[in-house]
Amino acid sequence: MISYTSEAAVIGKYVLTYFEAFLRKLWTAVESKPELWYAFWIKDYLAAIRSGDESLRASVCTFVTPIVIKIHKMSLAYILSKFLQEHKNIELKSVDSLASLMTLLKVAR
């Protein structure tokens, strides 16, 4: 679902509503333990943010990030820390990796 957020205008708001309900149920299922909750979706989220597709990055930040922040307020801080941790380990920093970082920082602002 995360990888298709760039088509949110086409697939409709109801899909995002379903996705939010799913993440809320997952939050309840893991008994509000953030680390367990993040384990289910953080890799896909970071892959979408690292994507070379600008529309996908913007859509993930526009649609998915507000959902996860509503569920757990510290989600953005966790996302930024994971992204920056991985960003430090990249030997060849490209313009695409900086564009991903800028997209995340724009949301954090």
N, C-alpha and C. Protein backbone atom coordinates (compact mmCIF):
# COMPACT_ATOMS: atom_id res chain seq x y z
N MET A 1 0.82 -1.19 0.00
CA MET A 1 0.00 0.00 0.00
C MET A 1 0.87 1.26 0.00
N ILE A 2 1.97 1.20 0.71
CA ILE A 2 2.85 2.37 0.77
C ILE A 2 3.38 2.71 -0.62
N SER A 3 3.73 1.70 -1.37
CA SER A 3 4.31 1.96 -2.70
C SER A 3 3.29 2.50 -3.70
N TYR A 4 2.00 2.39 -3.39
CA TYR A 4 0.97 2.89 -4.30
C TYR A 4 0.36 4.21 -3.83
N THR A 5 0.96 4.88 -2.87
CA THR A 5 0.39 6.13 -2.40
C THR A 5 0.45 7.24 -3.43
N SER A 6 1.34 7.12 -4.40
CA SER A 6 1.39 8.15 -5.44
C SER A 6 0.14 8.12 -6.31
N GLU A 7 -0.62 7.03 -6.22
CA GLU A 7 -1.87 6.92 -6.97
C GLU A 7 -3.09 7.20 -6.08
N ALA A 8 -2.87 7.86 -4.95
CA ALA A 8 -3.95 8.09 -4.00
C ALA A 8 -5.11 8.87 -4.62
N ALA A 9 -4.81 9.79 -5.51
CA ALA A 9 -5.89 10.54 -6.16
C ALA A 9 -6.74 9.63 -7.03
N VAL A 10 -6.12 8.59 -7.58
CA VAL A 10 -6.84 7.67 -8.46
C VAL A 10 -7.57 6.61 -7.65
N ILE A 11 -6.92 6.04 -6.65
CA ILE A 11 -7.52 4.93 -5.91
C ILE A 11 -8.50 5.39 -4.84
N GLY A 12 -8.43 6.64 -4.47
CA GLY A 12 -9.42 7.18 -3.56
C GLY A 12 -8.99 7.24 -2.11
N LYS A 13 -9.63 8.11 -1.41
CA LYS A 13 -9.35 8.33 0.00
C LYS A 13 -9.72 7.13 0.85
N TYR A 14 -10.68 6.32 0.40
CA TYR A 14 -11.10 5.17 1.20
C TYR A 14 -9.97 4.17 1.40
N VAL A 15 -9.06 4.07 0.45
CA VAL A 15 -7.93 3.15 0.60
C VAL A 15 -7.01 3.66 1.71
N LEU A 16 -6.79 4.97 1.75
CA LEU A 16 -5.96 5.54 2.82
C LEU A 16 -6.66 5.41 4.17
N THR A 17 -7.98 5.52 4.19
CA THR A 17 -8.74 5.33 5.42
C THR A 17 -8.59 3.88 5.90
N TYR A 18 -8.65 2.94 4.96
CA TYR A 18 -8.44 1.53 5.31
C TYR A 18 -7.03 1.32 5.85
N PHE A 19 -6.05 1.94 5.21
CA PHE A 19 -4.66 1.80 5.64
C PHE A 19 -4.48 2.35 7.06
N GLU A 20 -5.12 3.50 7.34
CA GLU A 20 -5.05 4.06 8.68
C GLU A 20 -5.70 3.12 9.70
N ALA A 21 -6.84 2.56 9.34
CA ALA A 21 -7.52 1.62 10.25
C ALA A 21 -6.65 0.40 10.50
N PHE A 22 -5.99 -0.08 9.44
CA PHE A 22 -5.10 -1.23 9.57
C PHE A 22 -3.95 -0.93 10.52
N LEU A 23 -3.31 0.25 10.35
CA LEU A 23 -2.20 0.61 11.23
C LEU A 23 -2.66 0.80 12.67
N ARG A 24 -3.87 1.32 12.85
CA ARG A 24 -4.41 1.48 14.22
C ARG A 24 -4.66 0.11 14.87
N LYS A 25 -5.21 -0.82 14.10
CA LYS A 25 -5.44 -2.18 14.62
C LYS A 25 -4.11 -2.84 14.96
N LEU A 26 -3.13 -2.63 14.11
CA LEU A 26 -1.79 -3.17 14.36
C LEU A 26 -1.20 -2.58 15.63
N TRP A 27 -1.39 -1.27 15.84
CA TRP A 27 -0.91 -0.60 17.05
C TRP A 27 -1.53 -1.24 18.29
N THR A 28 -2.82 -1.54 18.21
CA THR A 28 -3.51 -2.19 19.32
C THR A 28 -3.01 -3.62 19.50
N ALA A 29 -2.79 -4.31 18.40
CA ALA A 29 -2.36 -5.71 18.46
C ALA A 29 -0.98 -5.87 19.09
N VAL A 30 -0.11 -4.90 18.88
CA VAL A 30 1.23 -4.99 19.49
C VAL A 30 1.27 -4.31 20.85
N GLU A 31 0.08 -4.03 21.37
CA GLU A 31 -0.09 -3.46 22.71
C GLU A 31 0.67 -2.14 22.88
N SER A 32 0.58 -1.30 21.84
CA SER A 32 1.18 0.04 21.85
C SER A 32 2.69 0.03 22.09
N LYS A 33 3.36 -0.99 21.59
CA LYS A 33 4.81 -1.07 21.68
C LYS A 33 5.39 -0.57 20.35
N PRO A 34 5.95 0.64 20.35
CA PRO A 34 6.41 1.24 19.10
C PRO A 34 7.37 0.39 18.27
N GLU A 35 8.35 -0.22 18.91
CA GLU A 35 9.36 -0.99 18.16
C GLU A 35 8.72 -2.14 17.37
N LEU A 36 7.76 -2.80 17.98
CA LEU A 36 7.07 -3.89 17.28
C LEU A 36 6.23 -3.34 16.13
N TRP A 37 5.58 -2.22 16.36
CA TRP A 37 4.73 -1.60 15.35
C TRP A 37 5.55 -1.14 14.14
N TYR A 38 6.67 -0.48 14.44
CA TYR A 38 7.53 0.00 13.35
C TYR A 38 8.06 -1.16 12.50
N ALA A 39 8.33 -2.28 13.13
CA ALA A 39 8.90 -3.42 12.42
C ALA A 39 8.03 -3.88 11.25
N PHE A 40 6.73 -3.64 11.33
CA PHE A 40 5.83 -4.08 10.27
C PHE A 40 5.87 -3.22 9.03
N TRP A 41 6.19 -1.93 9.17
CA TRP A 41 6.07 -1.05 8.00
C TRP A 41 7.27 -0.15 7.72
N ILE A 42 8.21 -0.04 8.61
CA ILE A 42 9.28 0.94 8.43
C ILE A 42 10.18 0.66 7.22
N LYS A 43 10.46 -0.59 6.92
CA LYS A 43 11.31 -0.90 5.76
C LYS A 43 10.67 -0.46 4.46
N ASP A 44 9.38 -0.71 4.32
CA ASP A 44 8.67 -0.29 3.11
C ASP A 44 8.58 1.23 3.03
N TYR A 45 8.38 1.86 4.16
CA TYR A 45 8.31 3.32 4.20
C TYR A 45 9.65 3.92 3.77
N LEU A 46 10.73 3.44 4.35
CA LEU A 46 12.05 3.97 4.01
C LEU A 46 12.42 3.68 2.56
N ALA A 47 12.00 2.52 2.05
CA ALA A 47 12.26 2.21 0.63
C ALA A 47 11.53 3.19 -0.27
N ALA A 48 10.31 3.54 0.10
CA ALA A 48 9.55 4.51 -0.69
C ALA A 48 10.19 5.89 -0.61
N ILE A 49 10.68 6.26 0.56
CA ILE A 49 11.34 7.56 0.73
C ILE A 49 12.66 7.62 -0.05
N ARG A 50 13.36 6.50 -0.13
CA ARG A 50 14.63 6.45 -0.86
C ARG A 50 14.43 6.30 -2.37
N SER A 51 13.21 6.13 -2.78
CA SER A 51 12.91 5.92 -4.20
C SER A 51 13.34 7.12 -5.03
N GLY A 52 13.71 6.86 -6.25
CA GLY A 52 14.05 7.93 -7.18
C GLY A 52 12.83 8.65 -7.72
N ASP A 53 11.65 8.12 -7.43
CA ASP A 53 10.40 8.69 -7.92
C ASP A 53 9.95 9.81 -6.98
N GLU A 54 10.08 11.03 -7.43
CA GLU A 54 9.72 12.20 -6.62
C GLU A 54 8.24 12.19 -6.22
N SER A 55 7.37 11.76 -7.11
CA SER A 55 5.94 11.74 -6.78
C SER A 55 5.64 10.73 -5.68
N LEU A 56 6.34 9.59 -5.68
CA LEU A 56 6.15 8.61 -4.62
C LEU A 56 6.63 9.16 -3.29
N ARG A 57 7.81 9.79 -3.28
CA ARG A 57 8.32 10.39 -2.04
C ARG A 57 7.36 11.44 -1.49
N ALA A 58 6.88 12.29 -2.36
CA ALA A 58 5.96 13.35 -1.93
C ALA A 58 4.65 12.76 -1.43
N SER A 59 4.16 11.74 -2.10
CA SER A 59 2.90 11.11 -1.69
C SER A 59 3.02 10.41 -0.35
N VAL A 60 4.12 9.72 -0.15
CA VAL A 60 4.33 9.04 1.14
C VAL A 60 4.37 10.07 2.26
N CYS A 61 5.09 11.15 2.03
CA CYS A 61 5.16 12.20 3.05
C CYS A 61 3.82 12.89 3.24
N THR A 62 3.06 13.06 2.18
CA THR A 62 1.77 13.74 2.27
C THR A 62 0.68 12.88 2.89
N PHE A 63 0.65 11.59 2.53
CA PHE A 63 -0.46 10.73 2.95
C PHE A 63 -0.12 9.79 4.11
N VAL A 64 1.02 9.14 4.06
CA VAL A 64 1.35 8.12 5.07
C VAL A 64 1.89 8.74 6.35
N THR A 65 2.78 9.71 6.22
CA THR A 65 3.40 10.30 7.41
C THR A 65 2.36 10.88 8.38
N PRO A 66 1.38 11.66 7.92
CA PRO A 66 0.37 12.15 8.87
C PRO A 66 -0.41 11.04 9.56
N ILE A 67 -0.63 9.94 8.88
CA ILE A 67 -1.34 8.80 9.48
C ILE A 67 -0.53 8.23 10.63
N VAL A 68 0.74 7.97 10.40
CA VAL A 68 1.55 7.35 11.45
C VAL A 68 1.80 8.31 12.61
N ILE A 69 1.85 9.61 12.32
CA ILE A 69 2.02 10.59 13.38
C ILE A 69 0.77 10.67 14.25
N LYS A 70 -0.41 10.55 13.62
CA LYS A 70 -1.66 10.55 14.40
C LYS A 70 -1.72 9.36 15.35
N ILE A 71 -1.20 8.24 14.90
CA ILE A 71 -1.25 7.03 15.72
C ILE A 71 -0.21 7.09 16.83
N HIS A 72 1.00 7.51 16.49
CA HIS A 72 2.08 7.61 17.49
C HIS A 72 2.90 8.86 17.18
N LYS A 73 2.85 9.83 18.05
CA LYS A 73 3.46 11.14 17.82
C LYS A 73 4.96 11.09 17.56
N MET A 74 5.65 10.11 18.09
CA MET A 74 7.09 10.03 17.92
C MET A 74 7.51 9.33 16.63
N SER A 75 6.56 9.02 15.78
CA SER A 75 6.87 8.31 14.54
C SER A 75 7.82 9.08 13.64
N LEU A 76 7.60 10.37 13.50
CA LEU A 76 8.47 11.16 12.62
C LEU A 76 9.89 11.19 13.15
N ALA A 77 10.06 11.32 14.44
CA ALA A 77 11.40 11.30 15.02
C ALA A 77 12.08 9.95 14.76
N TYR A 78 11.31 8.87 14.89
CA TYR A 78 11.86 7.54 14.64
C TYR A 78 12.23 7.39 13.17
N ILE A 79 11.36 7.83 12.28
CA ILE A 79 11.61 7.75 10.84
C ILE A 79 12.88 8.53 10.49
N LEU A 80 12.99 9.74 11.00
CA LEU A 80 14.19 10.55 10.71
C LEU A 80 15.45 9.89 11.25
N SER A 81 15.38 9.33 12.44
CA SER A 81 16.57 8.70 13.01
C SER A 81 16.99 7.48 12.19
N LYS A 82 16.02 6.65 11.77
CA LYS A 82 16.34 5.47 10.95
C LYS A 82 16.91 5.90 9.60
N PHE A 83 16.30 6.91 8.99
CA PHE A 83 16.76 7.36 7.69
C PHE A 83 18.16 7.93 7.79
N LEU A 84 18.42 8.76 8.79
CA LEU A 84 19.75 9.35 8.94
C LEU A 84 20.79 8.30 9.29
N GLN A 85 20.39 7.30 10.06
CA GLN A 85 21.29 6.20 10.39
C GLN A 85 21.71 5.46 9.12
N GLU A 86 20.74 5.17 8.27
CA GLU A 86 21.05 4.50 7.00
C GLU A 86 21.81 5.41 6.07
N HIS A 87 21.47 6.71 6.09
CA HIS A 87 22.12 7.68 5.21
C HIS A 87 23.61 7.79 5.53
N LYS A 88 23.97 7.69 6.80
CA LYS A 88 25.39 7.73 7.20
C LYS A 88 26.16 6.54 6.65
N ASN A 89 25.49 5.40 6.51
CA ASN A 89 26.15 4.18 6.06
C ASN A 89 26.29 4.09 4.54
N ILE A 90 25.66 4.98 3.82
CA ILE A 90 25.77 4.98 2.36
C ILE A 90 27.12 5.58 1.99
N GLU A 91 27.92 4.82 1.28
CA GLU A 91 29.25 5.29 0.93
C GLU A 91 29.20 6.37 -0.15
N LEU A 92 28.37 6.15 -1.14
CA LEU A 92 28.27 7.10 -2.25
C LEU A 92 26.97 7.87 -2.09
N LYS A 93 27.08 9.07 -1.58
CA LYS A 93 25.89 9.90 -1.38
C LYS A 93 25.56 10.59 -2.70
N SER A 94 24.39 10.31 -3.19
CA SER A 94 24.00 10.88 -4.48
C SER A 94 22.98 12.00 -4.26
N VAL A 95 22.65 12.66 -5.33
CA VAL A 95 21.63 13.70 -5.28
C VAL A 95 20.29 13.10 -4.89
N ASP A 96 20.01 11.87 -5.34
CA ASP A 96 18.75 11.22 -4.98
C ASP A 96 18.64 10.99 -3.48
N SER A 97 19.73 10.59 -2.84
CA SER A 97 19.67 10.37 -1.39
C SER A 97 19.47 11.69 -0.66
N LEU A 98 20.05 12.77 -1.18
CA LEU A 98 19.83 14.07 -0.57
C LEU A 98 18.41 14.57 -0.83
N ALA A 99 17.86 14.26 -1.99
CA ALA A 99 16.47 14.64 -2.28
C ALA A 99 15.52 13.94 -1.32
N SER A 100 15.79 12.68 -1.02
CA SER A 100 14.96 11.94 -0.06
C SER A 100 15.03 12.58 1.31
N LEU A 101 16.24 12.96 1.72
CA LEU A 101 16.42 13.59 3.02
C LEU A 101 15.68 14.93 3.06
N MET A 102 15.77 15.68 2.00
CA MET A 102 15.09 16.98 1.96
C MET A 102 13.57 16.82 2.02
N THR A 103 13.05 15.79 1.38
CA THR A 103 11.61 15.53 1.43
C THR A 103 11.19 15.24 2.86
N LEU A 104 11.95 14.42 3.57
CA LEU A 104 11.64 14.11 4.96
C LEU A 104 11.75 15.35 5.85
N LEU A 105 12.77 16.13 5.64
CA LEU A 105 12.95 17.33 6.46
C LEU A 105 11.85 18.35 6.21
N LYS A 106 11.36 18.40 4.99
CA LYS A 106 10.26 19.30 4.66
C LYS A 106 9.02 18.93 5.48
N VAL A 107 8.77 17.64 5.62
CA VAL A 107 7.63 17.18 6.43
C VAL A 107 7.88 17.47 7.90
N ALA A 108 9.10 17.26 8.36
CA ALA A 108 9.43 17.49 9.76
C ALA A 108 9.27 18.95 10.15
N ARG A 109 9.52 19.81 9.19
CA ARG A 109 9.40 21.25 9.44
C ARG A 109 7.99 21.57 9.80
